[in-house]
Amino acid sequence: MPAGKHTYLIKNMDTLGYTMHTTLADFRSEDPPVLIKELYSKTVERVFRKDNSVFEPWKEDTDLIIQFACESDLAVMKISKAIKDPFDLSKIYDYLFEKFADLKLFFMYNACHSQYPTVSRTRLEDICDEFELLDKNLKHS
């Protein structure tokens, strides 16, 4: 109770009346006892489990899925209109098939750093500048 004058009411249950009491509390001369509660802390180490998350239906990339995706992309690719030599075209298809997983990761990275729903060309141009891919044959459009 803080120091000072305090007034309170007490209800008498027999007579259903109230009695008012007044008390005077002195200032405390000694320091209040120190009460230090031990804090209970529990460390929870979280472990990601795909089968118990929102990513459960997500299919991870396997060699077969990457092969189907590459074949699907190569089927609609219009590179055959630019390269007429079948030997060169098959070498390019083989190289793309070999590097398709890296190309997919590069596309995902580029898509994540672009504004939805389009994939930004400016980021691709920045990467071409960074890797010094641009020369007299390959220029910014």
C-alpha atoms as a PDB file:
ATOM      1  CA  MET A   1       0.000   0.000   0.000  1.00  0.00           C
ATOM      2  CA  PRO A   2       1.459   3.401  -0.877  1.00  0.00           C
ATOM      3  CA  ALA A   3       2.186   5.935   1.877  1.00  0.00           C
ATOM      4  CA  GLY A   4      -0.613   8.366   2.783  1.00  0.00           C
ATOM      5  CA  LYS A   5      -4.240   8.410   3.903  1.00  0.00           C
ATOM      6  CA  HIS A   6      -6.492   5.626   2.609  1.00  0.00           C
ATOM      7  CA  THR A   7     -10.264   5.276   2.925  1.00  0.00           C
ATOM      8  CA  TYR A   8     -12.215   2.124   2.185  1.00  0.00           C
ATOM      9  CA  LEU A   9     -15.725   0.703   2.731  1.00  0.00           C
ATOM     10  CA  ILE A  10     -16.617  -2.621   4.327  1.00  0.00           C
ATOM     11  CA  LYS A  11     -20.038  -4.163   3.791  1.00  0.00           C
ATOM     12  CA  ASN A  12     -21.690  -5.795   6.813  1.00  0.00           C
ATOM     13  CA  MET A  13     -23.575  -8.855   5.607  1.00  0.00           C
ATOM     14  CA  ASP A  14     -25.869  -9.050   8.678  1.00  0.00           C
ATOM     15  CA  THR A  15     -27.238  -5.514   8.583  1.00  0.00           C
ATOM     16  CA  LEU A  16     -26.536  -4.913   4.895  1.00  0.00           C
ATOM     17  CA  GLY A  17     -24.909  -1.645   5.854  1.00  0.00           C
ATOM     18  CA  TYR A  18     -21.551  -0.158   5.041  1.00  0.00           C
ATOM     19  CA  THR A  19     -18.817   0.946   7.408  1.00  0.00           C
ATOM     20  CA  MET A  20     -16.223   3.471   6.302  1.00  0.00           C
ATOM     21  CA  HIS A  21     -12.668   3.033   7.607  1.00  0.00           C
ATOM     22  CA  THR A  22      -9.722   5.371   7.285  1.00  0.00           C
ATOM     23  CA  THR A  23      -6.097   4.437   7.787  1.00  0.00           C
ATOM     24  CA  LEU A  24      -2.829   6.272   7.568  1.00  0.00           C
ATOM     25  CA  ALA A  25       0.139   4.434   6.065  1.00  0.00           C
ATOM     26  CA  ASP A  26       3.591   5.686   7.007  1.00  0.00           C
ATOM     27  CA  PHE A  27       6.488   6.002   4.655  1.00  0.00           C
ATOM     28  CA  ARG A  28       8.652   2.918   4.557  1.00  0.00           C
ATOM     29  CA  SER A  29      11.954   3.399   6.365  1.00  0.00           C
ATOM     30  CA  GLU A  30      13.608   0.221   5.066  1.00  0.00           C
ATOM     31  CA  ASP A  31      14.139  -0.786   1.483  1.00  0.00           C
ATOM     32  CA  PRO A  32      11.523  -3.118   0.057  1.00  0.00           C
ATOM     33  CA  PRO A  33      12.666  -6.704  -0.209  1.00  0.00           C
ATOM     34  CA  VAL A  34      14.192  -7.561  -3.538  1.00  0.00           C
ATOM     35  CA  LEU A  35      12.166 -10.103  -5.381  1.00  0.00           C
ATOM     36  CA  ILE A  36      13.862 -11.537  -8.402  1.00  0.00           C
ATOM     37  CA  LYS A  37      11.862 -14.060 -10.300  1.00  0.00           C
ATOM     38  CA  GLU A  38      13.720 -16.589 -12.332  1.00  0.00           C
ATOM     39  CA  LEU A  39      12.611 -16.314 -15.895  1.00  0.00           C
ATOM     40  CA  TYR A  40      11.596 -19.517 -17.521  1.00  0.00           C
ATOM     41  CA  SER A  41      12.920 -19.662 -21.017  1.00  0.00           C
ATOM     42  CA  LYS A  42      12.608 -22.536 -23.365  1.00  0.00           C
ATOM     43  CA  THR A  43      14.575 -22.651 -26.567  1.00  0.00           C
ATOM     44  CA  VAL A  44      12.742 -24.292 -29.391  1.00  0.00           C
ATOM     45  CA  GLU A  45      14.930 -25.415 -32.224  1.00  0.00           C
ATOM     46  CA  ARG A  46      12.810 -25.525 -35.326  1.00  0.00           C
ATOM     47  CA  VAL A  47      13.525 -28.094 -37.974  1.00  0.00           C
ATOM     48  CA  PHE A  48      11.997 -27.734 -41.413  1.00  0.00           C
ATOM     49  CA  ARG A  49      10.037 -30.760 -42.518  1.00  0.00           C
ATOM     50  CA  LYS A  50       8.607 -30.520 -46.018  1.00  0.00           C
ATOM     51  CA  ASP A  51       5.910 -33.127 -45.335  1.00  0.00           C
ATOM     52  CA  ASN A  52       4.532 -30.935 -42.511  1.00  0.00           C
ATOM     53  CA  SER A  53       4.571 -27.592 -44.351  1.00  0.00           C
ATOM     54  CA  VAL A  54       2.700 -25.689 -47.026  1.00  0.00           C
ATOM     55  CA  PHE A  55       5.314 -26.931 -49.506  1.00  0.00           C
ATOM     56  CA  GLU A  56       4.200 -30.562 -49.180  1.00  0.00           C
ATOM     57  CA  PRO A  57       2.603 -30.758 -52.671  1.00  0.00           C
ATOM     58  CA  TRP A  58       5.649 -29.038 -54.218  1.00  0.00           C
ATOM     59  CA  LYS A  59       7.579 -31.373 -56.500  1.00  0.00           C
ATOM     60  CA  GLU A  60      11.323 -31.090 -56.250  1.00  0.00           C
ATOM     61  CA  ASP A  61      13.355 -31.092 -59.441  1.00  0.00           C
ATOM     62  CA  THR A  62      14.527 -34.532 -60.419  1.00  0.00           C
ATOM     63  CA  ASP A  63      16.472 -35.471 -63.525  1.00  0.00           C
ATOM     64  CA  LEU A  64      13.291 -36.731 -65.160  1.00  0.00           C
ATOM     65  CA  ILE A  65      11.346 -33.515 -64.443  1.00  0.00           C
ATOM     66  CA  ILE A  66      14.230 -31.390 -65.756  1.00  0.00           C
ATOM     67  CA  GLN A  67      14.400 -33.570 -68.887  1.00  0.00           C
ATOM     68  CA  PHE A  68      10.648 -33.142 -69.544  1.00  0.00           C
ATOM     69  CA  ALA A  69      10.893 -29.386 -68.958  1.00  0.00           C
ATOM     70  CA  CYS A  70      13.857 -29.083 -71.310  1.00  0.00           C
ATOM     71  CA  GLU A  71      12.116 -31.104 -74.029  1.00  0.00           C
ATOM     72  CA  SER A  72       9.012 -28.961 -73.622  1.00  0.00           C
ATOM     73  CA  ASP A  73      11.023 -25.737 -73.923  1.00  0.00           C
ATOM     74  CA  LEU A  74      13.032 -26.985 -76.906  1.00  0.00           C
ATOM     75  CA  ALA A  75       9.798 -27.961 -78.688  1.00  0.00           C
ATOM     76  CA  VAL A  76       8.553 -24.362 -78.709  1.00  0.00           C
ATOM     77  CA  MET A  77      11.966 -22.699 -79.156  1.00  0.00           C
ATOM     78  CA  LYS A  78      12.381 -20.774 -82.420  1.00  0.00           C
ATOM     79  CA  ILE A  79      16.166 -21.078 -82.563  1.00  0.00           C
ATOM     80  CA  SER A  80      15.889 -23.374 -85.588  1.00  0.00           C
ATOM     81  CA  LYS A  81      14.811 -20.350 -87.650  1.00  0.00           C
ATOM     82  CA  ALA A  82      18.106 -18.605 -86.879  1.00  0.00           C
ATOM     83  CA  ILE A  83      20.439 -21.610 -87.130  1.00  0.00           C
ATOM     84  CA  LYS A  84      19.942 -23.574 -90.333  1.00  0.00           C
ATOM     85  CA  ASP A  85      22.821 -26.073 -90.010  1.00  0.00           C
ATOM     86  CA  PRO A  86      21.419 -29.245 -88.375  1.00  0.00           C
ATOM     87  CA  PHE A  87      24.805 -30.192 -86.886  1.00  0.00           C
ATOM     88  CA  ASP A  88      25.173 -26.814 -85.133  1.00  0.00           C
ATOM     89  CA  LEU A  89      21.543 -26.948 -84.045  1.00  0.00           C
ATOM     90  CA  SER A  90      21.972 -30.388 -82.471  1.00  0.00           C
ATOM     91  CA  LYS A  91      25.145 -29.208 -80.677  1.00  0.00           C
ATOM     92  CA  ILE A  92      23.220 -26.204 -79.270  1.00  0.00           C
ATOM     93  CA  TYR A  93      20.329 -28.442 -78.203  1.00  0.00           C
ATOM     94  CA  ASP A  94      22.781 -30.819 -76.488  1.00  0.00           C
ATOM     95  CA  TYR A  95      24.469 -27.924 -74.698  1.00  0.00           C
ATOM     96  CA  LEU A  96      21.133 -26.457 -73.593  1.00  0.00           C
ATOM     97  CA  PHE A  97      20.029 -29.891 -72.380  1.00  0.00           C
ATOM     98  CA  GLU A  98      23.274 -30.227 -70.401  1.00  0.00           C
ATOM     99  CA  LYS A  99      22.956 -26.786 -68.776  1.00  0.00           C
ATOM    100  CA  PHE A 100      19.157 -26.672 -68.424  1.00  0.00           C
ATOM    101  CA  ALA A 101      19.138 -27.001 -64.607  1.00  0.00           C
ATOM    102  CA  ASP A 102      21.503 -23.995 -64.313  1.00  0.00           C
ATOM    103  CA  LEU A 103      19.434 -22.021 -66.823  1.00  0.00           C
ATOM    104  CA  LYS A 104      16.283 -22.781 -64.843  1.00  0.00           C
ATOM    105  CA  LEU A 105      17.916 -21.541 -61.626  1.00  0.00           C
ATOM    106  CA  PHE A 106      19.103 -18.416 -63.443  1.00  0.00           C
ATOM    107  CA  PHE A 107      15.582 -17.799 -64.745  1.00  0.00           C
ATOM    108  CA  MET A 108      14.083 -18.287 -61.259  1.00  0.00           C
ATOM    109  CA  TYR A 109      16.610 -15.830 -59.792  1.00  0.00           C
ATOM    110  CA  ASN A 110      15.855 -13.301 -62.519  1.00  0.00           C
ATOM    111  CA  ALA A 111      12.085 -13.769 -62.084  1.00  0.00           C
ATOM    112  CA  CYS A 112      12.355 -13.282 -58.318  1.00  0.00           C
ATOM    113  CA  HIS A 113      14.147  -9.967 -58.784  1.00  0.00           C
ATOM    114  CA  SER A 114      11.669  -8.662 -61.374  1.00  0.00           C
ATOM    115  CA  GLN A 115       8.257  -7.154 -60.935  1.00  0.00           C
ATOM    116  CA  TYR A 116       5.392  -9.617 -61.138  1.00  0.00           C
ATOM    117  CA  PRO A 117       4.176 -10.841 -63.672  1.00  0.00           C
ATOM    118  CA  THR A 118       6.932  -9.890 -66.129  1.00  0.00           C
ATOM    119  CA  VAL A 119      10.566 -10.936 -66.156  1.00  0.00           C
ATOM    120  CA  SER A 120      12.732  -7.872 -66.427  1.00  0.00           C
ATOM    121  CA  ARG A 121      15.113  -7.485 -69.350  1.00  0.00           C
ATOM    122  CA  THR A 122      17.146  -4.833 -67.582  1.00  0.00           C
ATOM    123  CA  ARG A 123      18.471  -7.337 -65.048  1.00  0.00           C
ATOM    124  CA  LEU A 124      19.509  -9.641 -67.911  1.00  0.00           C
ATOM    125  CA  GLU A 125      21.276  -6.734 -69.610  1.00  0.00           C
ATOM    126  CA  ASP A 126      23.077  -5.902 -66.351  1.00  0.00           C
ATOM    127  CA  ILE A 127      24.291  -9.498 -66.098  1.00  0.00           C
ATOM    128  CA  CYS A 128      25.485  -9.412 -69.716  1.00  0.00           C
ATOM    129  CA  ASP A 129      27.459  -6.249 -68.896  1.00  0.00           C
ATOM    130  CA  GLU A 130      28.854  -7.816 -65.727  1.00  0.00           C
ATOM    131  CA  PHE A 131      30.025 -10.964 -67.540  1.00  0.00           C
ATOM    132  CA  GLU A 132      31.301  -8.868 -70.479  1.00  0.00           C
ATOM    133  CA  LEU A 133      29.176 -10.794 -72.968  1.00  0.00           C
ATOM    134  CA  LEU A 134      28.408  -7.756 -75.092  1.00  0.00           C
ATOM    135  CA  ASP A 135      30.634  -7.116 -78.096  1.00  0.00           C
ATOM    136  CA  LYS A 136      30.209  -6.077 -81.735  1.00  0.00           C
ATOM    137  CA  ASN A 137      27.993  -9.119 -82.416  1.00  0.00           C
ATOM    138  CA  LEU A 138      25.869  -8.946 -79.265  1.00  0.00           C
ATOM    139  CA  LYS A 139      24.553  -5.485 -78.341  1.00  0.00           C
ATOM    140  CA  HIS A 140      21.822  -3.971 -76.211  1.00  0.00           C
ATOM    141  CA  SER A 141      18.580  -3.698 -78.153  1.00  0.00           C
END
